[in-house]
Amino acid sequence: MANVVELKVNLHCHECIKKILKAIKKIEDIETYNVDTELNKVTVTGNVTTEEVIRVLQKVRKTASAWDEDQAAAVS
């Protein structure tokens, strides 16, 4: 079964987004991914865990944290 991993990541420039996308594409067993620059949110779907995706983003020097319900409510 596919997991949905939602993370808060600082997406402040085009180069950052390119690094993040390149790193995410290297993860095995992902089905889909999405980067929302307005919300600073990265969503990855597949056979992955939150910890795996955070670790991959840390390798490209990006700080990521789990997207929690409080953040979702603040945006709505």
N, C-alpha and C. Protein backbone atom coordinates (compact mmCIF):
# COMPACT_ATOMS: atom_id res chain seq x y z
N MET A 1 0.84 -1.19 0.00
CA MET A 1 0.00 0.00 0.00
C MET A 1 0.89 1.25 0.00
N ALA A 2 0.47 2.25 -0.74
CA ALA A 2 1.25 3.48 -0.87
C ALA A 2 1.06 4.39 0.34
N ASN A 3 2.14 4.97 0.79
CA ASN A 3 2.11 5.96 1.85
C ASN A 3 2.10 7.35 1.21
N VAL A 4 1.49 8.29 1.89
CA VAL A 4 1.55 9.68 1.47
C VAL A 4 2.37 10.43 2.50
N VAL A 5 3.49 10.99 2.05
CA VAL A 5 4.39 11.74 2.93
C VAL A 5 4.26 13.22 2.58
N GLU A 6 3.88 14.01 3.57
CA GLU A 6 3.74 15.46 3.36
C GLU A 6 4.74 16.17 4.27
N LEU A 7 5.56 17.03 3.66
CA LEU A 7 6.62 17.69 4.41
C LEU A 7 6.60 19.19 4.18
N LYS A 8 7.00 19.92 5.21
CA LYS A 8 7.21 21.36 5.09
C LYS A 8 8.68 21.57 4.77
N VAL A 9 8.95 22.25 3.65
CA VAL A 9 10.32 22.49 3.19
C VAL A 9 10.40 23.94 2.72
N ASN A 10 11.48 24.63 3.06
CA ASN A 10 11.65 26.01 2.63
C ASN A 10 11.98 26.02 1.13
N LEU A 11 11.03 26.49 0.33
CA LEU A 11 11.19 26.53 -1.13
C LEU A 11 11.31 27.98 -1.56
N HIS A 12 12.50 28.56 -1.41
CA HIS A 12 12.60 30.00 -1.65
C HIS A 12 13.16 30.38 -3.02
N CYS A 13 13.73 29.43 -3.78
CA CYS A 13 14.23 29.81 -5.11
C CYS A 13 14.13 28.62 -6.07
N HIS A 14 14.27 28.93 -7.34
CA HIS A 14 14.15 27.91 -8.36
C HIS A 14 15.23 26.83 -8.22
N GLU A 15 16.44 27.22 -7.84
CA GLU A 15 17.53 26.25 -7.67
C GLU A 15 17.23 25.26 -6.54
N CYS A 16 16.62 25.75 -5.47
CA CYS A 16 16.23 24.87 -4.35
C CYS A 16 15.23 23.82 -4.84
N ILE A 17 14.27 24.28 -5.59
CA ILE A 17 13.24 23.37 -6.10
C ILE A 17 13.86 22.32 -7.01
N LYS A 18 14.79 22.73 -7.87
CA LYS A 18 15.46 21.78 -8.75
C LYS A 18 16.22 20.72 -7.96
N LYS A 19 16.92 21.14 -6.90
CA LYS A 19 17.67 20.20 -6.06
C LYS A 19 16.72 19.20 -5.39
N ILE A 20 15.62 19.73 -4.89
CA ILE A 20 14.65 18.88 -4.20
C ILE A 20 14.05 17.85 -5.16
N LEU A 21 13.65 18.31 -6.34
CA LEU A 21 13.06 17.40 -7.33
C LEU A 21 14.06 16.33 -7.76
N LYS A 22 15.30 16.71 -7.98
CA LYS A 22 16.33 15.77 -8.38
C LYS A 22 16.53 14.70 -7.30
N ALA A 23 16.55 15.13 -6.04
CA ALA A 23 16.73 14.20 -4.92
C ALA A 23 15.54 13.25 -4.79
N ILE A 24 14.34 13.80 -4.91
CA ILE A 24 13.13 12.97 -4.76
C ILE A 24 13.04 11.93 -5.86
N LYS A 25 13.40 12.31 -7.07
CA LYS A 25 13.31 11.38 -8.21
C LYS A 25 14.22 10.17 -8.04
N LYS A 26 15.24 10.28 -7.21
CA LYS A 26 16.17 9.17 -6.99
C LYS A 26 15.65 8.15 -5.97
N ILE A 27 14.60 8.50 -5.25
CA ILE A 27 14.05 7.59 -4.24
C ILE A 27 13.36 6.42 -4.95
N GLU A 28 13.69 5.21 -4.52
CA GLU A 28 13.05 4.03 -5.10
C GLU A 28 11.62 3.90 -4.59
N ASP A 29 10.78 3.31 -5.41
CA ASP A 29 9.39 2.97 -5.05
C ASP A 29 8.49 4.18 -4.83
N ILE A 30 8.79 5.33 -5.47
CA ILE A 30 7.83 6.43 -5.38
C ILE A 30 6.88 6.33 -6.58
N GLU A 31 5.65 6.73 -6.35
CA GLU A 31 4.65 6.71 -7.41
C GLU A 31 4.42 8.11 -7.95
N THR A 32 4.23 9.07 -7.05
CA THR A 32 4.02 10.46 -7.47
C THR A 32 4.73 11.39 -6.50
N TYR A 33 4.94 12.61 -6.95
CA TYR A 33 5.48 13.65 -6.08
C TYR A 33 4.95 14.98 -6.54
N ASN A 34 4.87 15.93 -5.61
CA ASN A 34 4.37 17.26 -5.92
C ASN A 34 5.09 18.27 -5.03
N VAL A 35 5.43 19.41 -5.62
CA VAL A 35 6.05 20.49 -4.87
C VAL A 35 5.13 21.70 -4.98
N ASP A 36 4.64 22.17 -3.85
CA ASP A 36 3.74 23.33 -3.80
C ASP A 36 4.53 24.51 -3.24
N THR A 37 4.93 25.43 -4.13
CA THR A 37 5.77 26.55 -3.71
C THR A 37 5.01 27.56 -2.86
N GLU A 38 3.70 27.66 -3.04
CA GLU A 38 2.92 28.61 -2.24
C GLU A 38 2.83 28.18 -0.78
N LEU A 39 2.72 26.89 -0.56
CA LEU A 39 2.58 26.37 0.80
C LEU A 39 3.91 25.90 1.39
N ASN A 40 4.99 25.91 0.59
CA ASN A 40 6.27 25.32 1.02
C ASN A 40 6.06 23.87 1.44
N LYS A 41 5.37 23.13 0.57
CA LYS A 41 4.99 21.76 0.90
C LYS A 41 5.45 20.80 -0.19
N VAL A 42 6.02 19.68 0.23
CA VAL A 42 6.43 18.62 -0.68
C VAL A 42 5.61 17.38 -0.32
N THR A 43 4.98 16.77 -1.32
CA THR A 43 4.19 15.57 -1.10
C THR A 43 4.76 14.45 -1.96
N VAL A 44 5.03 13.31 -1.34
CA VAL A 44 5.56 12.14 -2.04
C VAL A 44 4.65 10.96 -1.72
N THR A 45 4.26 10.22 -2.76
CA THR A 45 3.41 9.05 -2.58
C THR A 45 4.17 7.83 -3.07
N GLY A 46 4.13 6.77 -2.29
CA GLY A 46 4.79 5.53 -2.69
C GLY A 46 5.15 4.70 -1.48
N ASN A 47 6.01 3.74 -1.71
CA ASN A 47 6.44 2.85 -0.64
C ASN A 47 7.64 3.49 0.08
N VAL A 48 7.39 4.63 0.73
CA VAL A 48 8.42 5.39 1.43
C VAL A 48 7.89 5.84 2.79
N THR A 49 8.82 6.19 3.66
CA THR A 49 8.43 6.73 4.97
C THR A 49 8.82 8.20 5.03
N THR A 50 8.24 8.89 5.98
CA THR A 50 8.58 10.29 6.21
C THR A 50 10.07 10.43 6.47
N GLU A 51 10.60 9.54 7.28
CA GLU A 51 12.02 9.60 7.63
C GLU A 51 12.92 9.44 6.41
N GLU A 52 12.55 8.55 5.49
CA GLU A 52 13.34 8.35 4.27
C GLU A 52 13.40 9.62 3.43
N VAL A 53 12.26 10.25 3.25
CA VAL A 53 12.21 11.45 2.42
C VAL A 53 12.98 12.59 3.10
N ILE A 54 12.82 12.75 4.40
CA ILE A 54 13.57 13.79 5.13
C ILE A 54 15.06 13.55 5.00
N ARG A 55 15.50 12.32 5.12
CA ARG A 55 16.93 11.98 5.01
C ARG A 55 17.47 12.34 3.62
N VAL A 56 16.71 12.05 2.57
CA VAL A 56 17.12 12.38 1.21
C VAL A 56 17.24 13.90 1.04
N LEU A 57 16.29 14.63 1.59
CA LEU A 57 16.34 16.09 1.47
C LEU A 57 17.49 16.68 2.29
N GLN A 58 17.81 16.07 3.42
CA GLN A 58 18.94 16.54 4.22
C GLN A 58 20.26 16.36 3.47
N LYS A 59 20.34 15.36 2.62
CA LYS A 59 21.56 15.13 1.84
C LYS A 59 21.82 16.28 0.85
N VAL A 60 20.75 16.97 0.43
CA VAL A 60 20.92 18.13 -0.46
C VAL A 60 20.80 19.43 0.35
N ARG A 61 21.05 19.31 1.65
CA ARG A 61 21.09 20.45 2.58
C ARG A 61 19.76 21.21 2.68
N LYS A 62 18.66 20.47 2.65
CA LYS A 62 17.33 21.06 2.83
C LYS A 62 16.75 20.55 4.14
N THR A 63 16.23 21.45 4.92
CA THR A 63 15.58 21.09 6.17
C THR A 63 14.12 20.81 5.89
N ALA A 64 13.65 19.68 6.36
CA ALA A 64 12.26 19.29 6.15
C ALA A 64 11.68 18.80 7.47
N SER A 65 10.40 19.04 7.64
CA SER A 65 9.69 18.53 8.81
C SER A 65 8.32 18.05 8.38
N ALA A 66 7.75 17.18 9.18
CA ALA A 66 6.44 16.62 8.85
C ALA A 66 5.40 17.73 8.78
N TRP A 67 4.55 17.65 7.78
CA TRP A 67 3.45 18.59 7.62
C TRP A 67 2.36 18.14 8.57
N ASP A 68 2.04 18.97 9.56
CA ASP A 68 1.03 18.53 10.53
C ASP A 68 -0.31 19.21 10.27
N GLU A 69 -1.30 18.78 10.99
CA GLU A 69 -2.67 19.27 10.78
C GLU A 69 -2.80 20.76 11.11
N ASP A 70 -1.99 21.26 12.05
CA ASP A 70 -2.05 22.68 12.40
C ASP A 70 -1.66 23.55 11.20
N GLN A 71 -0.64 23.12 10.46
CA GLN A 71 -0.22 23.86 9.28
C GLN A 71 -1.32 23.82 8.22
N ALA A 72 -1.94 22.69 8.05
CA ALA A 72 -3.00 22.54 7.05
C ALA A 72 -4.17 23.45 7.40
N ALA A 73 -4.52 23.53 8.68
CA ALA A 73 -5.64 24.37 9.10
C ALA A 73 -5.31 25.86 8.93
N ALA A 74 -4.06 26.24 9.17
CA ALA A 74 -3.66 27.64 9.05
C ALA A 74 -3.73 28.13 7.61
N VAL A 75 -3.53 27.22 6.68
CA VAL A 75 -3.55 27.57 5.25
C VAL A 75 -4.98 27.69 4.76
N SER A 76 -5.86 26.88 5.30
CA SER A 76 -7.26 26.86 4.83
C SER A 76 -8.02 28.13 5.09
